Amino acid sequence: MKKPRVLVDFIKLIIAAKIIFYRNVIDKLTNNPYFPNPYISLADANISLTNLEQATLAAADGGHTATSNMHDKEKLADDDFRILAHYVTHMADGDETKIASSGFNQSKSTPAAPKPALSVKDGPIPGSVIINSKAIDKAGVYIYQSIEESVPLIEENWRLIGMSTHATYEASGYTPGTVVLFRMAAITSDGTTDFCVPVSKRIN
């Protein structure tokens, strides 16, 4: 059986989701005793990430030059986080706990992929979506939020779109052609869960 290793599936993420993923990796690797000396310093990786964030904001108006610069910065950040991924794979040597502590995803020996926490599909009318959440044990209420990809991804910009006792929710009023990120948390008998990893959807 092959040892678990870090996946580089983050390369396929859209830029907005990639920024969130990379920020989480830096947070998880900072002062992580399993990974004391990365092949590339976390400070350098953080600079690449910050440059990507700034370039993404500058490209919000769709200008050709700014968009080209954003993709250049994306490639540089991707290269840095590939290096970090290879380092984690080498240092973890198949230890699932160590890999999980890094923030990266890892290969699994189990054949069945778990159901994603959230999926979003087109709704019945233009500008609408149907959000399907993975059922959460003891959940009494599901909280749904969204944010447009062009808006800075800071906590206060997330918009509450609804609360429901069901794991499926229909939302409308979005502008067709825009890319929107969605996330969900649940209120359970044990308290409120963290929000899941955002899922992006181009609105039709």
Protein backbone atom coordinates (compact mmCIF):
# COMPACT_ATOMS: atom_id res chain seq x y z
CA MET A 1 0.00 0.00 0.00
CA LYS A 2 1.33 3.41 -0.95
CA LYS A 3 2.05 5.89 1.80
CA PRO A 4 -0.31 8.87 2.08
CA ARG A 5 1.16 11.96 0.43
CA VAL A 6 0.24 15.59 -0.06
CA LEU A 7 -2.04 16.26 -3.01
CA VAL A 8 -1.41 19.23 -5.28
CA ASP A 9 -5.12 19.48 -6.06
CA PHE A 10 -5.04 23.09 -4.86
CA ILE A 11 -3.61 24.06 -8.26
CA LYS A 12 -7.07 23.51 -9.78
CA LEU A 13 -8.85 25.88 -7.37
CA ILE A 14 -10.11 29.23 -8.59
CA ILE A 15 -7.99 32.11 -7.37
CA ALA A 16 -10.38 33.24 -4.63
CA ALA A 17 -10.58 29.75 -3.11
CA LYS A 18 -6.84 29.24 -3.65
CA ILE A 19 -6.04 32.34 -1.59
CA ILE A 20 -8.13 30.98 1.30
CA PHE A 21 -6.44 27.58 1.01
CA TYR A 22 -2.92 29.03 0.90
CA ARG A 23 -3.61 31.30 3.87
CA ASN A 24 -4.76 28.28 5.89
CA VAL A 25 -1.60 26.34 4.96
CA ILE A 26 0.63 29.16 6.17
CA ASP A 27 -1.36 29.39 9.41
CA LYS A 28 -1.08 25.62 9.96
CA LEU A 29 2.65 25.44 9.16
CA THR A 30 3.60 28.42 11.32
CA ASN A 31 5.35 27.08 14.46
CA ASN A 32 4.38 23.53 13.47
CA PRO A 33 6.93 21.25 15.20
CA TYR A 34 6.59 18.61 12.48
CA PHE A 35 7.83 21.00 9.79
CA PRO A 36 10.53 23.26 11.27
CA ASN A 37 12.62 24.08 8.18
CA PRO A 38 10.62 24.30 4.93
CA TYR A 39 12.50 24.25 1.61
CA ILE A 40 11.10 27.76 1.09
CA SER A 41 10.55 30.06 4.05
CA LEU A 42 7.00 30.75 5.15
CA ALA A 43 7.86 34.45 4.99
CA ASP A 44 8.64 34.14 1.28
CA ALA A 45 5.50 32.08 0.67
CA ASN A 46 3.47 34.69 2.52
CA ILE A 47 4.92 37.44 0.33
CA SER A 48 3.86 35.53 -2.79
CA LEU A 49 0.39 35.07 -1.32
CA THR A 50 0.07 38.74 -0.36
CA ASN A 51 1.17 39.75 -3.86
CA LEU A 52 -1.50 37.47 -5.31
CA GLU A 53 -4.17 38.95 -3.03
CA GLN A 54 -3.24 42.48 -4.04
CA ALA A 55 -3.11 41.60 -7.73
CA THR A 56 -6.55 39.97 -7.48
CA LEU A 57 -8.03 43.12 -5.97
CA ALA A 58 -6.38 45.24 -8.67
CA ALA A 59 -7.88 43.01 -11.38
CA ALA A 60 -11.43 43.34 -10.07
CA ASP A 61 -12.34 45.78 -12.85
CA GLY A 62 -11.32 43.26 -15.51
CA GLY A 63 -8.47 45.30 -17.02
CA HIS A 64 -6.22 43.27 -19.34
CA THR A 65 -2.91 44.33 -17.80
CA ALA A 66 -4.12 43.85 -14.22
CA THR A 67 -5.62 40.45 -15.07
CA SER A 68 -2.38 39.32 -16.71
CA ASN A 69 -0.42 40.43 -13.64
CA MET A 70 -2.85 38.53 -11.41
CA HIS A 71 -2.19 35.29 -13.31
CA ASP A 72 1.57 35.90 -13.16
CA LYS A 73 1.32 36.29 -9.39
CA GLU A 74 -0.86 33.17 -9.21
CA LYS A 75 1.84 31.11 -10.94
CA LEU A 76 4.51 32.37 -8.54
CA ALA A 77 2.34 31.51 -5.53
CA ASP A 78 1.53 28.09 -7.00
CA ASP A 79 5.24 27.35 -7.40
CA ASP A 80 5.95 28.28 -3.78
CA PHE A 81 3.15 26.13 -2.41
CA ARG A 82 4.16 23.19 -4.60
CA ILE A 83 7.56 23.40 -2.92
CA LEU A 84 5.90 23.44 0.51
CA ALA A 85 3.75 20.46 -0.49
CA HIS A 86 6.82 18.43 -1.51
CA TYR A 87 8.51 19.35 1.77
CA VAL A 88 5.52 18.22 3.83
CA THR A 89 5.34 14.93 1.91
CA HIS A 90 9.04 14.28 2.57
CA MET A 91 8.98 15.20 6.25
CA ALA A 92 5.69 13.45 7.07
CA ASP A 93 6.85 10.19 5.45
CA GLY A 94 3.30 8.87 5.21
CA ASP A 95 2.13 9.98 8.66
CA GLU A 96 -1.48 11.04 8.14
CA THR A 97 -1.59 13.08 11.35
CA LYS A 98 1.43 15.12 10.32
CA ILE A 99 0.08 15.77 6.83
CA ALA A 100 -3.32 16.77 8.21
CA SER A 101 -1.64 19.27 10.53
CA SER A 102 -0.09 21.06 7.54
CA GLY A 103 -3.35 22.26 6.00
CA PHE A 104 -2.72 20.37 2.75
CA ASN A 105 -5.02 17.64 1.48
CA GLN A 106 -3.65 14.12 1.36
CA SER A 107 -4.15 10.97 -0.66
CA LYS A 108 -6.30 8.33 0.99
CA SER A 109 -6.17 4.57 0.95
CA THR A 110 -9.96 4.33 1.17
CA PRO A 111 -11.65 4.03 -2.25
CA ALA A 112 -14.77 6.06 -1.57
CA ALA A 113 -14.51 9.83 -1.53
CA PRO A 114 -16.48 11.53 1.23
CA LYS A 115 -19.45 13.64 0.28
CA PRO A 116 -18.39 17.30 0.10
CA ALA A 117 -19.68 19.53 2.88
CA LEU A 118 -21.35 21.78 0.32
CA SER A 119 -22.37 21.69 -3.34
CA VAL A 120 -24.09 24.37 -5.40
CA LYS A 121 -26.07 23.97 -8.62
CA ASP A 122 -28.22 26.15 -10.84
CA GLY A 123 -31.62 27.12 -9.47
CA PRO A 124 -34.94 27.13 -11.34
CA ILE A 125 -34.64 30.75 -12.53
CA PRO A 126 -31.75 32.93 -13.75
CA GLY A 127 -29.72 34.29 -10.85
CA SER A 128 -30.75 31.53 -8.46
CA VAL A 129 -28.92 28.55 -6.97
CA ILE A 130 -29.72 25.47 -4.94
CA ILE A 131 -27.29 24.76 -2.11
CA ASN A 132 -26.97 21.21 -0.84
CA SER A 133 -25.20 20.65 2.47
CA LYS A 134 -23.88 17.47 3.96
CA ALA A 135 -26.14 16.62 6.87
CA ILE A 136 -24.51 17.47 10.20
CA ASP A 137 -25.24 15.43 13.30
CA LYS A 138 -27.43 17.24 15.86
CA ALA A 139 -27.90 20.21 13.50
CA GLY A 140 -30.99 22.26 14.24
CA VAL A 141 -30.33 25.17 11.89
CA TYR A 142 -28.07 25.61 8.87
CA ILE A 143 -26.55 29.05 8.21
CA TYR A 144 -25.80 30.01 4.61
CA GLN A 145 -23.55 32.88 3.51
CA SER A 146 -22.19 34.12 0.19
CA ILE A 147 -19.69 36.60 -1.22
CA GLU A 148 -18.87 37.65 -4.79
CA GLU A 149 -15.41 36.59 -5.97
CA SER A 150 -14.58 40.20 -6.91
CA VAL A 151 -15.08 41.41 -3.32
CA PRO A 152 -12.17 41.26 -0.83
CA LEU A 153 -12.41 37.95 1.04
CA ILE A 154 -12.57 39.35 4.56
CA GLU A 155 -14.97 38.18 7.22
CA GLU A 156 -17.18 41.27 7.30
CA ASN A 157 -17.91 41.02 3.56
CA TRP A 158 -19.65 37.66 3.85
CA ARG A 159 -23.41 38.15 3.48
CA LEU A 160 -26.04 36.10 5.28
CA ILE A 161 -28.38 34.69 2.64
CA GLY A 162 -30.56 32.58 4.87
CA MET A 163 -31.04 30.11 7.69
CA SER A 164 -32.91 26.84 7.39
CA THR A 165 -33.72 23.70 9.31
CA HIS A 166 -33.01 21.76 6.12
CA ALA A 167 -29.69 20.84 4.49
CA THR A 168 -30.95 22.15 1.15
CA TYR A 169 -31.52 25.84 0.50
CA GLU A 170 -32.56 27.89 -2.54
CA ALA A 171 -31.18 31.41 -2.93
CA SER A 172 -31.84 33.97 -5.65
CA GLY A 173 -31.10 37.54 -6.66
CA TYR A 174 -27.58 36.98 -7.98
CA THR A 175 -26.30 38.59 -11.17
CA PRO A 176 -25.84 36.06 -14.00
CA GLY A 177 -22.22 35.76 -15.09
CA THR A 178 -20.72 36.61 -11.71
CA VAL A 179 -18.75 34.09 -9.66
CA VAL A 180 -20.04 33.70 -6.11
CA LEU A 181 -18.59 31.77 -3.18
CA PHE A 182 -20.90 30.02 -0.74
CA ARG A 183 -20.30 28.55 2.71
CA MET A 184 -22.31 26.93 5.48
CA ALA A 185 -22.20 26.45 9.23
CA ALA A 186 -24.64 24.68 11.51
CA ILE A 187 -26.10 25.37 14.91
CA THR A 188 -26.09 22.11 16.87
CA SER A 189 -26.81 21.08 20.42
CA ASP A 190 -23.05 21.34 21.02
CA GLY A 191 -22.78 24.88 19.65
CA THR A 192 -22.18 26.50 16.26
CA THR A 193 -19.76 24.75 13.91
CA ASP A 194 -17.05 26.47 11.90
CA PHE A 195 -17.98 27.48 8.37
CA CYS A 196 -17.06 24.92 5.75
CA VAL A 197 -14.53 25.56 2.98
CA PRO A 198 -16.20 27.91 0.47
CA VAL A 199 -17.51 26.53 -2.82
CA SER A 200 -17.59 28.72 -5.92
CA LYS A 201 -20.31 28.85 -8.58
CA ARG A 202 -20.66 30.90 -11.75
CA ILE A 203 -24.20 32.19 -11.72
CA ASN A 204 -26.41 31.36 -14.71
